[in-house]
Protein backbone atom coordinates (compact mmCIF):
# COMPACT_ATOMS: atom_id res chain seq x y z
CA MET A 1 -55.19 -94.66 57.44
CA ASP A 2 -58.01 -94.95 59.88
CA TYR A 3 -61.76 -94.53 59.57
CA ARG A 4 -65.07 -94.66 61.38
CA ARG A 5 -68.57 -95.28 60.04
CA PHE A 6 -71.54 -93.23 61.22
CA GLY A 7 -74.71 -94.56 59.59
CA ASP A 8 -74.42 -93.92 55.85
CA THR A 9 -71.25 -91.81 56.18
CA ILE A 10 -67.66 -92.99 56.54
CA LEU A 11 -65.04 -90.52 57.74
CA VAL A 12 -61.54 -91.47 56.60
CA ARG A 13 -58.19 -90.09 57.72
CA ILE A 14 -55.43 -90.81 55.22
CA ASP A 15 -51.97 -90.22 56.64
CA LYS A 16 -48.63 -88.82 55.45
CA ASP A 17 -47.03 -90.73 52.56
CA GLU A 18 -50.19 -92.76 51.85
CA GLU A 19 -51.79 -92.69 48.40
CA ILE A 20 -55.40 -91.47 48.43
CA LEU A 21 -56.98 -93.81 45.86
CA THR A 22 -55.28 -96.87 47.37
CA GLU A 23 -56.53 -96.11 50.88
CA MET A 24 -60.03 -95.19 49.66
CA LYS A 25 -60.29 -98.56 47.91
CA LYS A 26 -59.26 -100.40 51.10
CA VAL A 27 -62.07 -98.72 53.04
CA ALA A 28 -64.68 -99.27 50.31
CA LEU A 29 -63.87 -102.98 50.06
CA ARG A 30 -63.82 -103.48 53.84
CA GLU A 31 -67.17 -101.70 54.18
CA ASN A 32 -68.70 -103.33 51.07
CA VAL A 33 -69.44 -99.95 49.47
CA LYS A 34 -71.14 -100.40 46.08
CA LEU A 35 -72.33 -96.82 45.53
CA ALA A 36 -71.15 -93.63 47.24
CA GLU A 37 -70.34 -89.95 46.90
CA VAL A 38 -66.78 -88.94 47.87
CA ASN A 39 -65.46 -85.55 49.07
CA ALA A 40 -62.12 -84.72 50.66
CA LEU A 41 -59.58 -82.12 51.72
CA ALA A 42 -55.85 -82.78 51.80
CA ALA A 43 -52.29 -81.58 51.61
CA LEU A 44 -50.22 -83.41 48.98
CA SER A 45 -46.57 -84.00 48.21
CA GLU A 46 -47.43 -84.92 44.60
CA MET A 47 -50.34 -85.79 42.38
CA THR A 48 -51.07 -86.97 38.88
CA VAL A 49 -54.27 -85.83 37.22
CA ALA A 50 -55.39 -86.40 33.65
CA LEU A 51 -57.53 -84.79 30.99
CA TYR A 52 -59.61 -87.10 28.81
CA ASP A 53 -59.15 -86.32 25.12
CA VAL A 54 -62.52 -87.48 23.74
CA PRO A 55 -61.67 -87.41 20.00
CA ASN A 56 -58.53 -89.49 20.57
CA ARG A 57 -60.08 -91.55 23.39
CA LYS A 58 -57.11 -91.32 25.72
CA PHE A 59 -56.12 -89.72 29.00
CA ILE A 60 -53.36 -87.11 28.94
CA PRO A 61 -51.58 -87.22 32.32
CA ASN A 62 -50.14 -84.23 34.18
CA HIS A 63 -47.81 -84.95 37.12
CA VAL A 64 -47.39 -82.14 39.64
CA ASP A 65 -44.90 -82.08 42.51
CA GLY A 66 -45.88 -80.38 45.76
CA PRO A 67 -46.35 -78.99 48.15
CA LEU A 68 -49.99 -78.78 47.09
CA GLU A 69 -53.20 -77.94 48.90
CA VAL A 70 -56.35 -79.69 47.63
CA THR A 71 -59.04 -77.16 46.76
CA SER A 72 -61.52 -79.80 45.65
CA LEU A 73 -61.63 -83.59 45.58
CA HIS A 74 -64.94 -85.16 44.68
CA GLY A 75 -66.45 -88.03 42.76
CA ASN A 76 -68.04 -91.41 43.26
CA ILE A 77 -67.56 -95.04 44.02
CA ASN A 78 -69.64 -97.58 42.13
CA THR A 79 -69.09 -100.80 40.17
CA MET A 80 -68.18 -101.98 36.71
CA ASN A 81 -69.02 -105.57 35.89
CA GLY A 82 -69.86 -105.92 39.58
CA GLU A 83 -66.34 -104.94 40.71
CA TYR A 84 -65.08 -101.87 42.58
CA TYR A 85 -64.81 -98.79 40.35
CA THR A 86 -64.21 -95.14 41.12
CA HIS A 87 -64.36 -91.82 39.29
CA ILE A 88 -62.61 -89.03 41.20
CA HIS A 89 -61.59 -85.51 40.15
CA CYS A 90 -59.13 -83.37 42.08
CA SER A 91 -57.80 -79.84 41.92
CA ALA A 92 -54.92 -78.59 44.04
CA GLY A 93 -52.94 -75.38 44.22
CA ASN A 94 -49.28 -74.61 44.86
CA ALA A 95 -47.67 -71.78 46.87
CA GLU A 96 -47.93 -69.40 43.92
CA GLY A 97 -51.68 -69.97 43.67
CA THR A 98 -51.53 -71.97 40.46
CA VAL A 99 -54.21 -74.67 40.47
CA PHE A 100 -53.94 -77.96 38.60
CA GLY A 101 -56.81 -80.38 38.20
CA GLY A 102 -58.48 -83.21 36.37
CA HIS A 103 -59.26 -86.89 36.67
CA LEU A 104 -57.31 -88.18 39.67
CA VAL A 105 -54.71 -90.81 38.80
CA SER A 106 -52.73 -90.69 42.06
CA ALA A 107 -52.13 -88.37 45.02
CA VAL A 108 -49.65 -88.80 47.87
CA VAL A 109 -50.55 -87.15 51.18
CA SER A 110 -47.97 -84.82 52.73
CA GLY A 111 -49.87 -83.96 55.90
CA THR A 112 -53.32 -85.46 56.12
CA CYS A 113 -56.42 -86.14 54.05
CA GLU A 114 -59.90 -85.89 55.55
CA MET A 115 -62.39 -87.80 53.41
CA PHE A 116 -66.13 -88.23 53.57
CA ILE A 117 -67.67 -91.26 51.84
CA ARG A 118 -71.46 -90.98 51.80
CA VAL A 119 -72.85 -94.43 51.05
CA ILE A 120 -75.96 -94.56 48.86
CA ASP A 121 -78.39 -97.47 49.18
CA GLY A 122 -78.29 -99.12 45.76
CA THR A 123 -75.97 -100.04 42.94
CA VAL A 124 -75.11 -98.47 39.61
CA ASP A 125 -72.85 -100.45 37.33
CA ARG A 126 -70.91 -99.10 34.33
CA PHE A 127 -70.55 -100.06 30.69
CA ARG A 128 -67.91 -99.15 28.11
CA ASP A 129 -69.30 -96.67 25.56
CA GLU A 130 -67.32 -97.88 22.55
CA GLU A 131 -69.45 -96.06 19.95
CA VAL A 132 -69.40 -92.44 21.11
CA THR A 133 -66.90 -91.54 23.86
CA GLY A 134 -64.78 -94.55 24.79
CA LEU A 135 -65.65 -93.84 28.43
CA ASN A 136 -67.08 -96.10 31.14
CA LEU A 137 -70.56 -94.67 31.68
CA TRP A 138 -73.27 -95.28 34.26
CA LYS A 139 -75.65 -98.06 33.28
CA PHE A 140 -79.15 -97.76 34.73
CA GLU A 141 -81.15 -100.97 34.68
C-alpha cells in the first residue's frame, strides 16, 4: 500500500494480496482521519459482504471467490466512542456478469485498488440503537 495526500483528499493504492479494510484503516490512523467519504475501484481475488437482517439484528455473510471486478465501493470513515469506525458497502461482478454486494466484511486485492478518501472537517460519532435497529447510527451533537 502507498498513498499521497492532496489537501482534503487522500489517494490510496492498495496492492495485490492486501486486504482493503486493513489498509484503509492504516491510512486513516496515520492521517488522523475522523470523518471522511470513501470511494474505490479494484480487482479482487475474494470478498465477503453481508446483509443486515434488521428483525433478527444480525449480519448474514456471503463469501465470494474471484476473480471479481469492483463495480462500486463507497462509504464513510467516522468514530464510535471516539475510536476509528467505518461503514463500507461493496459490489463486485464475476466473469459471467453476476454481481454480489452488501456491507463489506473483507476484500483481498488481486491486481490493484485505487481509493479516494475525502476528509471532511469535523467529527460524527456513533451510538448503538438498541431499541429499534440494533445498528450503530450517526450521533449528531
